[in-house]
PDB file of all heavy atoms in Angstrom:
ATOM      1  N   ASN A   1       2.141  67.213 -15.407  1.00  0.00           N
ATOM      2  CA  ASN A   1       2.006  65.791 -15.642  1.00  0.00           C
ATOM      3  C   ASN A   1       0.609  65.280 -15.282  1.00  0.00           C
ATOM      4  O   ASN A   1       0.146  64.296 -15.939  1.00  0.00           O
ATOM      5  CB  ASN A   1       3.066  65.003 -14.836  1.00  0.00           C
ATOM      6  CG  ASN A   1       4.462  65.141 -15.434  1.00  0.00           C
ATOM      7  OD1 ASN A   1       4.593  65.171 -16.619  1.00  0.00           O
ATOM      8  ND2 ASN A   1       5.437  65.210 -14.594  1.00  0.00           N
ATOM      9  N   ALA A   2      -0.065  65.915 -14.332  1.00  0.00           N
ATOM     10  CA  ALA A   2      -1.418  65.482 -13.984  1.00  0.00           C
ATOM     11  C   ALA A   2      -2.477  66.087 -14.910  1.00  0.00           C
ATOM     12  O   ALA A   2      -3.627  65.763 -14.755  1.00  0.00           O
ATOM     13  CB  ALA A   2      -1.721  65.886 -12.537  1.00  0.00           C
ATOM     14  N   ARG A   3      -2.015  66.964 -15.840  1.00  0.00           N
ATOM     15  CA  ARG A   3      -2.941  67.582 -16.818  1.00  0.00           C
ATOM     16  C   ARG A   3      -4.035  68.428 -16.132  1.00  0.00           C
ATOM     17  O   ARG A   3      -5.145  68.514 -16.610  1.00  0.00           O
ATOM     18  CB  ARG A   3      -3.622  66.538 -17.686  1.00  0.00           C
ATOM     19  CG  ARG A   3      -2.678  65.588 -18.388  1.00  0.00           C
ATOM     20  CD  ARG A   3      -1.773  66.275 -19.416  1.00  0.00           C
ATOM     21  NE  ARG A   3      -1.104  65.330 -20.283  1.00  0.00           N
ATOM     22  CZ  ARG A   3       0.108  64.805 -20.058  1.00  0.00           C
ATOM     23  NH1 ARG A   3       0.772  65.122 -18.928  1.00  0.00           N
ATOM     24  NH2 ARG A   3       0.620  63.952 -20.904  1.00  0.00           N
ATOM     25  N   ILE A   4      -3.650  69.052 -15.009  1.00  0.00           N
ATOM     26  CA  ILE A   4      -4.616  69.905 -14.301  1.00  0.00           C
ATOM     27  C   ILE A   4      -4.898  71.148 -15.194  1.00  0.00           C
ATOM     28  O   ILE A   4      -3.961  71.760 -15.742  1.00  0.00           O
ATOM     29  CB  ILE A   4      -4.075  70.332 -12.953  1.00  0.00           C
ATOM     30  CG1 ILE A   4      -4.028  69.137 -12.027  1.00  0.00           C
ATOM     31  CG2 ILE A   4      -4.936  71.450 -12.329  1.00  0.00           C
ATOM     32  CD1 ILE A   4      -3.390  69.380 -10.673  1.00  0.00           C
ATOM     33  N   GLY A   5      -6.176  71.470 -15.368  1.00  0.00           N
ATOM     34  CA  GLY A   5      -6.522  72.518 -16.322  1.00  0.00           C
ATOM     35  C   GLY A   5      -6.236  73.923 -15.863  1.00  0.00           C
ATOM     36  O   GLY A   5      -5.811  74.759 -16.673  1.00  0.00           O
ATOM     37  N   THR A   6      -6.477  74.235 -14.593  1.00  0.00           N
ATOM     38  CA  THR A   6      -6.342  75.579 -14.089  1.00  0.00           C
ATOM     39  C   THR A   6      -5.665  75.589 -12.723  1.00  0.00           C
ATOM     40  O   THR A   6      -5.957  74.711 -11.900  1.00  0.00           O
ATOM     41  CB  THR A   6      -7.725  76.254 -13.954  1.00  0.00           C
ATOM     42  OG1 THR A   6      -8.358  76.231 -15.236  1.00  0.00           O
ATOM     43  CG2 THR A   6      -7.600  77.726 -13.513  1.00  0.00           C
ATOM     44  N   VAL A   7      -4.810  76.558 -12.473  1.00  0.00           N
ATOM     45  CA  VAL A   7      -4.138  76.754 -11.190  1.00  0.00           C
ATOM     46  C   VAL A   7      -4.393  78.163 -10.693  1.00  0.00           C
ATOM     47  O   VAL A   7      -4.163  79.125 -11.397  1.00  0.00           O
ATOM     48  CB  VAL A   7      -2.621  76.511 -11.300  1.00  0.00           C
ATOM     49  CG1 VAL A   7      -1.953  76.741  -9.956  1.00  0.00           C
ATOM     50  CG2 VAL A   7      -2.341  75.066 -11.757  1.00  0.00           C
ATOM     51  N   ARG A   8      -4.886  78.272  -9.425  1.00  0.00           N
ATOM     52  CA  ARG A   8      -5.115  79.543  -8.823  1.00  0.00           C
ATOM     53  C   ARG A   8      -4.344  79.568  -7.483  1.00  0.00           C
ATOM     54  O   ARG A   8      -4.620  78.744  -6.617  1.00  0.00           O
ATOM     55  CB  ARG A   8      -6.601  79.813  -8.559  1.00  0.00           C
ATOM     56  CG  ARG A   8      -7.425  79.900  -9.833  1.00  0.00           C
ATOM     57  CD  ARG A   8      -8.919  80.138  -9.532  1.00  0.00           C
ATOM     58  NE  ARG A   8      -9.671  80.234 -10.776  1.00  0.00           N
ATOM     59  CZ  ARG A   8      -9.868  81.388 -11.429  1.00  0.00           C
ATOM     60  NH1 ARG A   8      -9.388  82.507 -10.965  1.00  0.00           N
ATOM     61  NH2 ARG A   8     -10.558  81.391 -12.558  1.00  0.00           N
ATOM     62  N   TYR A   9      -3.374  80.477  -7.359  1.00  0.00           N
ATOM     63  CA  TYR A   9      -2.586  80.498  -6.157  1.00  0.00           C
ATOM     64  C   TYR A   9      -2.706  81.845  -5.479  1.00  0.00           C
ATOM     65  O   TYR A   9      -3.054  82.852  -6.083  1.00  0.00           O
ATOM     66  CB  TYR A   9      -1.095  80.178  -6.454  1.00  0.00           C
ATOM     67  CG  TYR A   9      -0.339  81.207  -7.239  1.00  0.00           C
ATOM     68  CD1 TYR A   9       0.339  82.212  -6.569  1.00  0.00           C
ATOM     69  CD2 TYR A   9      -0.295  81.178  -8.611  1.00  0.00           C
ATOM     70  CE1 TYR A   9       1.039  83.202  -7.281  1.00  0.00           C
ATOM     71  CE2 TYR A   9       0.416  82.122  -9.340  1.00  0.00           C
ATOM     72  CZ  TYR A   9       1.098  83.123  -8.652  1.00  0.00           C
ATOM     73  OH  TYR A   9       1.809  84.089  -9.374  1.00  0.00           O
ATOM     74  N   GLY A  10      -2.406  81.827  -4.160  1.00  0.00           N
ATOM     75  CA  GLY A  10      -2.541  83.039  -3.375  1.00  0.00           C
ATOM     76  C   GLY A  10      -1.317  83.904  -3.359  1.00  0.00           C
ATOM     77  O   GLY A  10      -1.212  84.848  -4.102  1.00  0.00           O
ATOM     78  N   ALA A  11      -0.338  83.577  -2.522  1.00  0.00           N
ATOM     79  CA  ALA A  11       0.851  84.404  -2.300  1.00  0.00           C
ATOM     80  C   ALA A  11       1.936  84.023  -3.279  1.00  0.00           C
ATOM     81  O   ALA A  11       2.084  82.874  -3.708  1.00  0.00           O
ATOM     82  CB  ALA A  11       1.361  84.297  -0.899  1.00  0.00           C
ATOM     83  N   LYS A  12       2.767  85.023  -3.702  1.00  0.00           N
ATOM     84  CA  LYS A  12       3.958  84.748  -4.548  1.00  0.00           C
ATOM     85  C   LYS A  12       5.023  84.082  -3.677  1.00  0.00           C
ATOM     86  O   LYS A  12       5.092  84.238  -2.455  1.00  0.00           O
ATOM     87  CB  LYS A  12       4.482  86.033  -5.111  1.00  0.00           C
ATOM     88  CG  LYS A  12       3.606  86.711  -6.108  1.00  0.00           C
ATOM     89  CD  LYS A  12       4.205  88.078  -6.542  1.00  0.00           C
ATOM     90  CE  LYS A  12       5.597  87.908  -7.115  1.00  0.00           C
ATOM     91  NZ  LYS A  12       6.189  89.151  -7.527  1.00  0.00           N
ATOM     92  N   ASP A  13       5.910  83.362  -4.376  1.00  0.00           N
ATOM     93  CA  ASP A  13       7.082  82.802  -3.756  1.00  0.00           C
ATOM     94  C   ASP A  13       8.287  83.291  -4.499  1.00  0.00           C
ATOM     95  O   ASP A  13       8.688  82.770  -5.556  1.00  0.00           O
ATOM     96  CB  ASP A  13       7.040  81.249  -3.803  1.00  0.00           C
ATOM     97  CG  ASP A  13       8.201  80.614  -3.048  1.00  0.00           C
ATOM     98  OD1 ASP A  13       9.140  81.354  -2.590  1.00  0.00           O
ATOM     99  OD2 ASP A  13       8.251  79.378  -2.956  1.00  0.00           O
ATOM    100  N   ASP A  14       8.906  84.398  -4.009  1.00  0.00           N
ATOM    101  CA  ASP A  14       9.976  85.060  -4.748  1.00  0.00           C
ATOM    102  C   ASP A  14      11.267  84.218  -4.779  1.00  0.00           C
ATOM    103  O   ASP A  14      12.165  84.550  -5.578  1.00  0.00           O
ATOM    104  CB  ASP A  14      10.276  86.431  -4.098  1.00  0.00           C
ATOM    105  CG  ASP A  14       9.151  87.405  -4.289  1.00  0.00           C
ATOM    106  OD1 ASP A  14       8.483  87.330  -5.365  1.00  0.00           O
ATOM    107  OD2 ASP A  14       8.883  88.225  -3.377  1.00  0.00           O
ATOM    108  N   LYS A  15      11.347  83.218  -3.965  1.00  0.00           N
ATOM    109  CA  LYS A  15      12.602  82.416  -3.900  1.00  0.00           C
ATOM    110  C   LYS A  15      12.510  81.114  -4.686  1.00  0.00           C
ATOM    111  O   LYS A  15      13.567  80.631  -5.184  1.00  0.00           O
ATOM    112  CB  LYS A  15      12.961  82.081  -2.440  1.00  0.00           C
ATOM    113  CG  LYS A  15      13.286  83.323  -1.615  1.00  0.00           C
ATOM    114  CD  LYS A  15      13.818  82.934  -0.248  1.00  0.00           C
ATOM    115  CE  LYS A  15      14.285  84.179   0.501  1.00  0.00           C
ATOM    116  NZ  LYS A  15      14.879  83.829   1.814  1.00  0.00           N
ATOM    117  N   ALA A  16      11.324  80.543  -4.798  1.00  0.00           N
ATOM    118  CA  ALA A  16      11.230  79.237  -5.513  1.00  0.00           C
ATOM    119  C   ALA A  16       9.959  79.146  -6.412  1.00  0.00           C
ATOM    120  O   ALA A  16       9.655  78.067  -6.876  1.00  0.00           O
ATOM    121  CB  ALA A  16      11.208  78.126  -4.455  1.00  0.00           C
ATOM    122  N   GLY A  17       9.318  80.203  -6.646  1.00  0.00           N
ATOM    123  CA  GLY A  17       8.087  80.158  -7.420  1.00  0.00           C
ATOM    124  C   GLY A  17       8.327  79.853  -8.869  1.00  0.00           C
ATOM    125  O   GLY A  17       9.135  80.470  -9.517  1.00  0.00           O
ATOM    126  N   ALA A  18       7.631  78.842  -9.366  1.00  0.00           N
ATOM    127  CA  ALA A  18       7.810  78.383 -10.761  1.00  0.00           C
ATOM    128  C   ALA A  18       6.609  78.798 -11.622  1.00  0.00           C
ATOM    129  O   ALA A  18       6.378  78.196 -12.702  1.00  0.00           O
ATOM    130  CB  ALA A  18       8.020  76.902 -10.855  1.00  0.00           C
ATOM    131  N   CYS A  19       5.836  79.776 -11.176  1.00  0.00           N
ATOM    132  CA  CYS A  19       4.703  80.239 -11.978  1.00  0.00           C
ATOM    133  C   CYS A  19       4.793  81.725 -12.293  1.00  0.00           C
ATOM    134  O   CYS A  19       3.794  82.426 -12.403  1.00  0.00           O
ATOM    135  CB  CYS A  19       3.384  79.976 -11.185  1.00  0.00           C
ATOM    136  SG  CYS A  19       3.079  78.210 -10.910  1.00  0.00           S
ATOM    137  N   GLY A  20       6.013  82.220 -12.342  1.00  0.00           N
ATOM    138  CA  GLY A  20       6.232  83.620 -12.712  1.00  0.00           C
ATOM    139  C   GLY A  20       7.218  84.388 -11.845  1.00  0.00           C
ATOM    140  O   GLY A  20       7.818  85.359 -12.284  1.00  0.00           O
ATOM    141  N   SER A  21       7.441  83.951 -10.601  1.00  0.00           N
ATOM    142  CA  SER A  21       8.293  84.709  -9.727  1.00  0.00           C
ATOM    143  C   SER A  21       9.771  84.503 -10.067  1.00  0.00           C
ATOM    144  O   SER A  21      10.565  85.461 -10.241  1.00  0.00           O
ATOM    145  CB  SER A  21       8.061  84.331  -8.248  1.00  0.00           C
ATOM    146  OG  SER A  21       6.776  84.743  -7.891  1.00  0.00           O
ATOM    147  N   VAL A  22      10.227  83.227 -10.176  1.00  0.00           N
ATOM    148  CA  VAL A  22      11.577  82.907 -10.560  1.00  0.00           C
ATOM    149  C   VAL A  22      11.597  82.530 -12.041  1.00  0.00           C
ATOM    150  O   VAL A  22      12.451  82.988 -12.814  1.00  0.00           O
ATOM    151  CB  VAL A  22      12.147  81.779  -9.698  1.00  0.00           C
ATOM    152  CG1 VAL A  22      13.566  81.357 -10.159  1.00  0.00           C
ATOM    153  CG2 VAL A  22      12.166  82.183  -8.230  1.00  0.00           C
ATOM    154  N   LEU A  23      10.668  81.695 -12.434  1.00  0.00           N
ATOM    155  CA  LEU A  23      10.466  81.341 -13.795  1.00  0.00           C
ATOM    156  C   LEU A  23       8.970  80.870 -13.950  1.00  0.00           C
ATOM    157  O   LEU A  23       8.292  80.756 -12.961  1.00  0.00           O
ATOM    158  CB  LEU A  23      11.404  80.187 -14.259  1.00  0.00           C
ATOM    159  CG  LEU A  23      11.111  78.760 -13.817  1.00  0.00           C
ATOM    160  CD1 LEU A  23      11.866  77.780 -14.646  1.00  0.00           C
ATOM    161  CD2 LEU A  23      11.401  78.559 -12.340  1.00  0.00           C
ATOM    162  N   ASN A  24       8.563  80.640 -15.164  1.00  0.00           N
ATOM    163  CA  ASN A  24       7.195  80.157 -15.362  1.00  0.00           C
ATOM    164  C   ASN A  24       7.245  78.932 -16.243  1.00  0.00           C
ATOM    165  O   ASN A  24       7.344  79.010 -17.456  1.00  0.00           O
ATOM    166  CB  ASN A  24       6.343  81.250 -15.999  1.00  0.00           C
ATOM    167  CG  ASN A  24       4.861  80.910 -15.956  1.00  0.00           C
ATOM    168  OD1 ASN A  24       4.493  79.754 -15.785  1.00  0.00           O
ATOM    169  ND2 ASN A  24       4.008  81.899 -16.170  1.00  0.00           N
ATOM    170  N   LEU A  25       7.119  77.768 -15.567  1.00  0.00           N
ATOM    171  CA  LEU A  25       7.163  76.494 -16.302  1.00  0.00           C
ATOM    172  C   LEU A  25       5.959  76.340 -17.195  1.00  0.00           C
ATOM    173  O   LEU A  25       5.973  75.595 -18.179  1.00  0.00           O
ATOM    174  CB  LEU A  25       7.261  75.311 -15.345  1.00  0.00           C
ATOM    175  CG  LEU A  25       8.618  75.117 -14.650  1.00  0.00           C
ATOM    176  CD1 LEU A  25       8.555  73.915 -13.722  1.00  0.00           C
ATOM    177  CD2 LEU A  25       9.717  74.925 -15.657  1.00  0.00           C
ATOM    178  N   PHE A  26       4.838  77.027 -16.865  1.00  0.00           N
ATOM    179  CA  PHE A  26       3.634  76.848 -17.646  1.00  0.00           C
ATOM    180  C   PHE A  26       3.697  77.583 -18.979  1.00  0.00           C
ATOM    181  O   PHE A  26       2.795  77.410 -19.812  1.00  0.00           O
ATOM    182  CB  PHE A  26       2.416  77.393 -16.851  1.00  0.00           C
ATOM    183  CG  PHE A  26       2.152  76.602 -15.588  1.00  0.00           C
ATOM    184  CD1 PHE A  26       1.301  77.122 -14.608  1.00  0.00           C
ATOM    185  CD2 PHE A  26       2.733  75.368 -15.375  1.00  0.00           C
ATOM    186  CE1 PHE A  26       1.055  76.426 -13.427  1.00  0.00           C
ATOM    187  CE2 PHE A  26       2.485  74.628 -14.232  1.00  0.00           C
ATOM    188  CZ  PHE A  26       1.649  75.162 -13.245  1.00  0.00           C
ATOM    189  N   GLU A  27       4.724  78.342 -19.218  1.00  0.00           N
ATOM    190  CA  GLU A  27       4.906  79.005 -20.522  1.00  0.00           C
ATOM    191  C   GLU A  27       5.932  78.312 -21.381  1.00  0.00           C
ATOM    192  O   GLU A  27       6.178  78.709 -22.502  1.00  0.00           O
ATOM    193  CB  GLU A  27       5.309  80.472 -20.315  1.00  0.00           C
ATOM    194  CG  GLU A  27       4.248  81.352 -19.712  1.00  0.00           C
ATOM    195  CD  GLU A  27       4.701  82.804 -19.547  1.00  0.00           C
ATOM    196  OE1 GLU A  27       5.889  83.057 -19.754  1.00  0.00           O
ATOM    197  OE2 GLU A  27       3.859  83.644 -19.227  1.00  0.00           O
ATOM    198  N   GLU A  28       6.520  77.239 -20.873  1.00  0.00           N
ATOM    199  CA  GLU A  28       7.494  76.458 -21.653  1.00  0.00           C
ATOM    200  C   GLU A  28       6.775  75.516 -22.622  1.00  0.00           C
ATOM    201  O   GLU A  28       5.565  75.330 -22.542  1.00  0.00           O
ATOM    202  CB  GLU A  28       8.417  75.672 -20.712  1.00  0.00           C
ATOM    203  CG  GLU A  28       9.221  76.543 -19.748  1.00  0.00           C
ATOM    204  CD  GLU A  28      10.137  77.486 -20.470  1.00  0.00           C
ATOM    205  OE1 GLU A  28      10.708  77.090 -21.548  1.00  0.00           O
ATOM    206  OE2 GLU A  28      10.329  78.637 -20.027  1.00  0.00           O
ATOM    207  N   ARG A  29       7.529  74.934 -23.498  1.00  0.00           N
ATOM    208  CA  ARG A  29       6.950  74.154 -24.600  1.00  0.00           C
ATOM    209  C   ARG A  29       6.686  72.712 -24.169  1.00  0.00           C
ATOM    210  O   ARG A  29       7.154  71.726 -24.753  1.00  0.00           O
ATOM    211  CB  ARG A  29       7.832  74.187 -25.812  1.00  0.00           C
ATOM    212  CG  ARG A  29       7.971  75.579 -26.406  1.00  0.00           C
ATOM    213  CD  ARG A  29       8.956  75.589 -27.556  1.00  0.00           C
ATOM    214  NE  ARG A  29       8.530  74.697 -28.646  1.00  0.00           N
ATOM    215  CZ  ARG A  29       9.296  74.425 -29.707  1.00  0.00           C
ATOM    216  NH1 ARG A  29      10.492  74.945 -29.823  1.00  0.00           N
ATOM    217  NH2 ARG A  29       8.814  73.591 -30.649  1.00  0.00           N
ATOM    218  N   PHE A  30       5.923  72.518 -23.067  1.00  0.00           N
ATOM    219  CA  PHE A  30       5.550  71.169 -22.669  1.00  0.00           C
ATOM    220  C   PHE A  30       4.280  70.762 -23.348  1.00  0.00           C
ATOM    221  O   PHE A  30       3.642  71.576 -24.080  1.00  0.00           O
ATOM    222  CB  PHE A  30       5.337  71.139 -21.122  1.00  0.00           C
ATOM    223  CG  PHE A  30       6.602  71.362 -20.365  1.00  0.00           C
ATOM    224  CD1 PHE A  30       6.803  72.550 -19.604  1.00  0.00           C
ATOM    225  CD2 PHE A  30       7.617  70.413 -20.354  1.00  0.00           C
ATOM    226  CE1 PHE A  30       7.982  72.745 -18.879  1.00  0.00           C
ATOM    227  CE2 PHE A  30       8.780  70.602 -19.634  1.00  0.00           C
ATOM    228  CZ  PHE A  30       8.952  71.757 -18.902  1.00  0.00           C
ATOM    229  N   ASN A  31       3.876  69.477 -23.185  1.00  0.00           N
ATOM    230  CA  ASN A  31       2.732  68.995 -23.893  1.00  0.00           C
ATOM    231  C   ASN A  31       1.401  69.425 -23.185  1.00  0.00           C
ATOM    232  O   ASN A  31       0.328  69.014 -23.649  1.00  0.00           O
ATOM    233  CB  ASN A  31       2.786  67.461 -23.956  1.00  0.00           C
ATOM    234  CG  ASN A  31       2.894  66.815 -22.565  1.00  0.00           C
ATOM    235  OD1 ASN A  31       3.164  67.484 -21.595  1.00  0.00           O
ATOM    236  ND2 ASN A  31       2.713  65.530 -22.526  1.00  0.00           N
ATOM    237  N   HIS A  32       1.497  70.186 -22.111  1.00  0.00           N
ATOM    238  CA  HIS A  32       0.287  70.674 -21.447  1.00  0.00           C
ATOM    239  C   HIS A  32       0.617  71.984 -20.805  1.00  0.00           C
ATOM    240  O   HIS A  32       1.686  72.147 -20.195  1.00  0.00           O
ATOM    241  CB  HIS A  32      -0.207  69.637 -20.390  1.00  0.00           C
ATOM    242  CG  HIS A  32      -1.392  70.138 -19.626  1.00  0.00           C
ATOM    243  ND1 HIS A  32      -2.615  70.273 -20.184  1.00  0.00           N
ATOM    244  CD2 HIS A  32      -1.515  70.538 -18.333  1.00  0.00           C
ATOM    245  CE1 HIS A  32      -3.475  70.741 -19.272  1.00  0.00           C
ATOM    246  NE2 HIS A  32      -2.846  70.889 -18.134  1.00  0.00           N
ATOM    247  N   ARG A  33      -0.299  72.953 -20.946  1.00  0.00           N
ATOM    248  CA  ARG A  33      -0.149  74.270 -20.325  1.00  0.00           C
ATOM    249  C   ARG A  33      -1.345  74.656 -19.533  1.00  0.00           C
ATOM    250  O   ARG A  33      -2.382  75.041 -20.105  1.00  0.00           O
ATOM    251  CB  ARG A  33       0.127  75.338 -21.418  1.00  0.00           C
ATOM    252  CG  ARG A  33       1.440  75.180 -22.145  1.00  0.00           C
ATOM    253  CD  ARG A  33       1.636  76.336 -23.130  1.00  0.00           C
ATOM    254  NE  ARG A  33       2.891  76.206 -23.858  1.00  0.00           N
ATOM    255  CZ  ARG A  33       3.323  77.084 -24.755  1.00  0.00           C
ATOM    256  NH1 ARG A  33       2.561  78.141 -25.017  1.00  0.00           N
ATOM    257  NH2 ARG A  33       4.456  76.920 -25.403  1.00  0.00           N
ATOM    258  N   PRO A  34      -1.256  74.530 -18.226  1.00  0.00           N
ATOM    259  CA  PRO A  34      -2.445  74.923 -17.380  1.00  0.00           C
ATOM    260  C   PRO A  34      -2.678  76.408 -17.435  1.00  0.00           C
ATOM    261  O   PRO A  34      -1.745  77.240 -17.653  1.00  0.00           O
ATOM    262  CB  PRO A  34      -1.973  74.496 -15.937  1.00  0.00           C
ATOM    263  CG  PRO A  34      -0.873  73.545 -16.168  1.00  0.00           C
ATOM    264  CD  PRO A  34      -0.189  73.986 -17.413  1.00  0.00           C
TER     265      PRO A  34
END
């Protein structure tokens, strides 16, 4: 929603991670994909 261009994260979150660990919201069909 903030239209942030790039995200760089350190450690994985296997229980609640939404950038690939549990799911990846950035690959869904939203109007912006960081």
